[in-house]
Amino acid sequence: FAMDPPLMDRVRAYTETFSQQEVRFVSSSSNYFEMLPVGADKGLALKRLTVWFDINQKNSYAVGDYYNDIELLSVAGNRVVPQNAPLDIQRMADHVVCRCGQGALADAIEWMEHQLTGSSSKSYQPQNQ
């Protein structure tokens, strides 16, 4: 669902008043609210991928920026979050990169490369956390 943040707060409060065993609700931005089947989340997907590709979960990497990424960040061994993520999401991070619109994913890849190899294709400059 897409809506203005004040309406989103009312809809979120409403969804918390009833019990839905088959679905759950999660915000994916300040104006998007998603309804998902229980058991369908990014964390479970990452767990399955690490098993499928025989990767130790502590060696997995994830980039997330909002509440729909909580399960993903909780499961990943290495967590990267942009500066414009909510503070409670930033607290989950091992590394905070620049804002989404300023190249956060590129910075995240640079950090991952540095973590894995000790070097990077550019001169790696860590962001202040």
C-alpha atoms as a PDB file:
ATOM      1  CA  PHE A   1       0.000   0.000   0.000  1.00  0.00           C
ATOM      2  CA  ALA A   2       1.267   3.498  -0.827  1.00  0.00           C
ATOM      3  CA  MET A   3       0.133   6.445   1.277  1.00  0.00           C
ATOM      4  CA  ASP A   4       1.220   9.621   2.997  1.00  0.00           C
ATOM      5  CA  PRO A   5       3.072   8.995   6.294  1.00  0.00           C
ATOM      6  CA  PRO A   6       0.283  10.391   8.559  1.00  0.00           C
ATOM      7  CA  LEU A   7      -2.234   7.982   7.007  1.00  0.00           C
ATOM      8  CA  MET A   8       0.324   5.185   7.185  1.00  0.00           C
ATOM      9  CA  ASP A   9       0.558   5.630  10.955  1.00  0.00           C
ATOM     10  CA  ARG A  10      -3.231   5.206  11.211  1.00  0.00           C
ATOM     11  CA  VAL A  11      -3.255   2.131   8.943  1.00  0.00           C
ATOM     12  CA  ARG A  12      -0.358   0.562  10.870  1.00  0.00           C
ATOM     13  CA  ALA A  13      -2.188   1.151  14.157  1.00  0.00           C
ATOM     14  CA  TYR A  14      -5.320  -0.404  12.681  1.00  0.00           C
ATOM     15  CA  THR A  15      -3.471  -3.534  11.497  1.00  0.00           C
ATOM     16  CA  GLU A  16      -2.120  -4.006  15.013  1.00  0.00           C
ATOM     17  CA  THR A  17      -5.673  -4.309  16.394  1.00  0.00           C
ATOM     18  CA  PHE A  18      -6.459  -7.617  14.731  1.00  0.00           C
ATOM     19  CA  SER A  19      -4.724 -10.955  14.503  1.00  0.00           C
ATOM     20  CA  GLN A  20      -3.916 -12.302  11.076  1.00  0.00           C
ATOM     21  CA  GLN A  21      -2.195 -15.658  11.244  1.00  0.00           C
ATOM     22  CA  GLU A  22      -1.488 -15.949   7.520  1.00  0.00           C
ATOM     23  CA  VAL A  23      -0.116 -12.454   6.840  1.00  0.00           C
ATOM     24  CA  ARG A  24       2.108  -9.856   8.433  1.00  0.00           C
ATOM     25  CA  PHE A  25       2.508  -6.151   7.758  1.00  0.00           C
ATOM     26  CA  VAL A  26       5.805  -4.325   7.374  1.00  0.00           C
ATOM     27  CA  SER A  27       6.929  -0.853   6.293  1.00  0.00           C
ATOM     28  CA  SER A  28       9.321  -0.731   3.366  1.00  0.00           C
ATOM     29  CA  SER A  29       9.655   3.085   3.407  1.00  0.00           C
ATOM     30  CA  SER A  30       8.028   6.028   5.113  1.00  0.00           C
ATOM     31  CA  ASN A  31       5.094   5.807   2.703  1.00  0.00           C
ATOM     32  CA  TYR A  32       4.929   2.101   1.715  1.00  0.00           C
ATOM     33  CA  PHE A  33       3.289  -0.583   3.817  1.00  0.00           C
ATOM     34  CA  GLU A  34       3.414  -4.211   2.695  1.00  0.00           C
ATOM     35  CA  MET A  35       1.251  -7.226   3.477  1.00  0.00           C
ATOM     36  CA  LEU A  36       3.284 -10.438   3.237  1.00  0.00           C
ATOM     37  CA  PRO A  37       2.595 -14.105   3.853  1.00  0.00           C
ATOM     38  CA  VAL A  38       3.949 -15.308   7.199  1.00  0.00           C
ATOM     39  CA  GLY A  39       7.256 -17.066   6.586  1.00  0.00           C
ATOM     40  CA  ALA A  40       8.127 -15.007   3.516  1.00  0.00           C
ATOM     41  CA  ASP A  41      10.967 -12.697   4.433  1.00  0.00           C
ATOM     42  CA  LYS A  42      14.437 -11.750   3.254  1.00  0.00           C
ATOM     43  CA  GLY A  43      16.130 -13.394   6.239  1.00  0.00           C
ATOM     44  CA  LEU A  44      14.638 -16.776   5.427  1.00  0.00           C
ATOM     45  CA  ALA A  45      15.667 -16.298   1.798  1.00  0.00           C
ATOM     46  CA  LEU A  46      19.257 -15.559   2.851  1.00  0.00           C
ATOM     47  CA  LYS A  47      19.309 -18.638   5.096  1.00  0.00           C
ATOM     48  CA  ARG A  48      18.117 -20.791   2.203  1.00  0.00           C
ATOM     49  CA  LEU A  49      20.689 -19.308  -0.180  1.00  0.00           C
ATOM     50  CA  THR A  50      23.564 -19.935   2.238  1.00  0.00           C
ATOM     51  CA  VAL A  51      22.491 -23.562   2.568  1.00  0.00           C
ATOM     52  CA  TRP A  52      21.958 -23.961  -1.162  1.00  0.00           C
ATOM     53  CA  PHE A  53      25.370 -22.509  -2.050  1.00  0.00           C
ATOM     54  CA  ASP A  54      27.103 -24.048   0.994  1.00  0.00           C
ATOM     55  CA  ILE A  55      28.173 -20.676   2.419  1.00  0.00           C
ATOM     56  CA  ASN A  56      28.744 -20.212   6.125  1.00  0.00           C
ATOM     57  CA  GLN A  57      26.073 -17.744   7.232  1.00  0.00           C
ATOM     58  CA  LYS A  58      28.650 -15.658   9.119  1.00  0.00           C
ATOM     59  CA  ASN A  59      30.302 -15.041   5.719  1.00  0.00           C
ATOM     60  CA  SER A  60      27.122 -13.627   4.184  1.00  0.00           C
ATOM     61  CA  TYR A  61      26.621  -9.930   3.417  1.00  0.00           C
ATOM     62  CA  ALA A  62      23.440  -7.873   3.344  1.00  0.00           C
ATOM     63  CA  VAL A  63      22.514  -4.286   2.605  1.00  0.00           C
ATOM     64  CA  GLY A  64      19.258  -2.977   4.058  1.00  0.00           C
ATOM     65  CA  ASP A  65      17.679   0.392   4.679  1.00  0.00           C
ATOM     66  CA  TYR A  66      14.248  -0.040   6.253  1.00  0.00           C
ATOM     67  CA  TYR A  67      12.035  -2.157   8.511  1.00  0.00           C
ATOM     68  CA  ASN A  68      11.341  -4.720   5.787  1.00  0.00           C
ATOM     69  CA  ASP A  69      15.062  -5.584   6.015  1.00  0.00           C
ATOM     70  CA  ILE A  70      15.148  -6.435   9.747  1.00  0.00           C
ATOM     71  CA  GLU A  71      15.042 -10.209   9.215  1.00  0.00           C
ATOM     72  CA  LEU A  72      17.703  -9.985   6.494  1.00  0.00           C
ATOM     73  CA  LEU A  73      20.024  -7.902   8.656  1.00  0.00           C
ATOM     74  CA  SER A  74      19.401 -10.170  11.650  1.00  0.00           C
ATOM     75  CA  VAL A  75      20.547 -13.233   9.702  1.00  0.00           C
ATOM     76  CA  ALA A  76      23.476 -11.803   7.723  1.00  0.00           C
ATOM     77  CA  GLY A  77      26.976 -12.177   9.038  1.00  0.00           C
ATOM     78  CA  ASN A  78      27.953  -8.734   7.749  1.00  0.00           C
ATOM     79  CA  ARG A  79      25.422  -5.903   7.659  1.00  0.00           C
ATOM     80  CA  VAL A  80      25.627  -2.623   5.751  1.00  0.00           C
ATOM     81  CA  VAL A  81      23.099   0.196   6.149  1.00  0.00           C
ATOM     82  CA  PRO A  82      22.938   3.673   4.576  1.00  0.00           C
ATOM     83  CA  GLN A  83      23.025   6.858   6.658  1.00  0.00           C
ATOM     84  CA  ASN A  84      19.418   7.715   5.849  1.00  0.00           C
ATOM     85  CA  ALA A  85      18.048   4.469   7.301  1.00  0.00           C
ATOM     86  CA  PRO A  86      16.064   4.801  10.553  1.00  0.00           C
ATOM     87  CA  LEU A  87      18.377   4.862  13.590  1.00  0.00           C
ATOM     88  CA  ASP A  88      17.195   1.504  14.914  1.00  0.00           C
ATOM     89  CA  ILE A  89      18.078  -0.056  11.538  1.00  0.00           C
ATOM     90  CA  GLN A  90      21.480   1.693  11.569  1.00  0.00           C
ATOM     91  CA  ARG A  91      22.144   0.176  15.006  1.00  0.00           C
ATOM     92  CA  MET A  92      21.976  -3.265  13.392  1.00  0.00           C
ATOM     93  CA  ALA A  93      24.809  -2.418  11.002  1.00  0.00           C
ATOM     94  CA  ASP A  94      28.423  -3.482  11.032  1.00  0.00           C
ATOM     95  CA  HIS A  95      29.084  -0.604   8.669  1.00  0.00           C
ATOM     96  CA  VAL A  96      27.145   2.553   7.736  1.00  0.00           C
ATOM     97  CA  VAL A  97      27.648   3.999   4.239  1.00  0.00           C
ATOM     98  CA  CYS A  98      26.505   7.229   2.609  1.00  0.00           C
ATOM     99  CA  ARG A  99      22.841   8.001   1.916  1.00  0.00           C
ATOM    100  CA  CYS A 100      20.914   5.893  -0.630  1.00  0.00           C
ATOM    101  CA  GLY A 101      20.861   8.628  -3.279  1.00  0.00           C
ATOM    102  CA  GLN A 102      24.570   9.298  -2.907  1.00  0.00           C
ATOM    103  CA  GLY A 103      25.936   5.882  -3.894  1.00  0.00           C
ATOM    104  CA  ALA A 104      25.254   3.717  -0.846  1.00  0.00           C
ATOM    105  CA  LEU A 105      25.280   0.463  -2.782  1.00  0.00           C
ATOM    106  CA  ALA A 106      28.594   1.322  -4.461  1.00  0.00           C
ATOM    107  CA  ASP A 107      30.061   2.208  -1.063  1.00  0.00           C
ATOM    108  CA  ALA A 108      28.707  -1.050   0.374  1.00  0.00           C
ATOM    109  CA  ILE A 109      30.365  -3.065  -2.409  1.00  0.00           C
ATOM    110  CA  GLU A 110      33.645  -1.224  -1.815  1.00  0.00           C
ATOM    111  CA  TRP A 111      33.433  -2.038   1.906  1.00  0.00           C
ATOM    112  CA  MET A 112      32.636  -5.690   1.173  1.00  0.00           C
ATOM    113  CA  GLU A 113      35.557  -5.912  -1.243  1.00  0.00           C
ATOM    114  CA  HIS A 114      37.825  -4.390   1.390  1.00  0.00           C
ATOM    115  CA  GLN A 115      36.542  -6.848   4.013  1.00  0.00           C
ATOM    116  CA  LEU A 116      37.109  -9.844   1.731  1.00  0.00           C
ATOM    117  CA  THR A 117      40.451  -8.934   0.186  1.00  0.00           C
ATOM    118  CA  GLY A 118      41.957  -6.229   2.355  1.00  0.00           C
ATOM    119  CA  SER A 119      41.981  -3.930  -0.652  1.00  0.00           C
ATOM    120  CA  SER A 120      39.538  -2.494  -3.152  1.00  0.00           C
ATOM    121  CA  SER A 121      39.418  -1.239  -6.712  1.00  0.00           C
ATOM    122  CA  LYS A 122      39.488   2.324  -5.373  1.00  0.00           C
ATOM    123  CA  SER A 123      41.290   3.741  -2.433  1.00  0.00           C
ATOM    124  CA  TYR A 124      38.866   2.644   0.297  1.00  0.00           C
ATOM    125  CA  GLN A 125      37.843   5.451   2.642  1.00  0.00           C
ATOM    126  CA  PRO A 126      35.684   4.215   5.529  1.00  0.00           C
ATOM    127  CA  GLN A 127      32.674   6.368   6.419  1.00  0.00           C
ATOM    128  CA  ASN A 128      32.441   7.763   9.925  1.00  0.00           C
ATOM    129  CA  GLN A 129      30.022   5.741  11.987  1.00  0.00           C
END
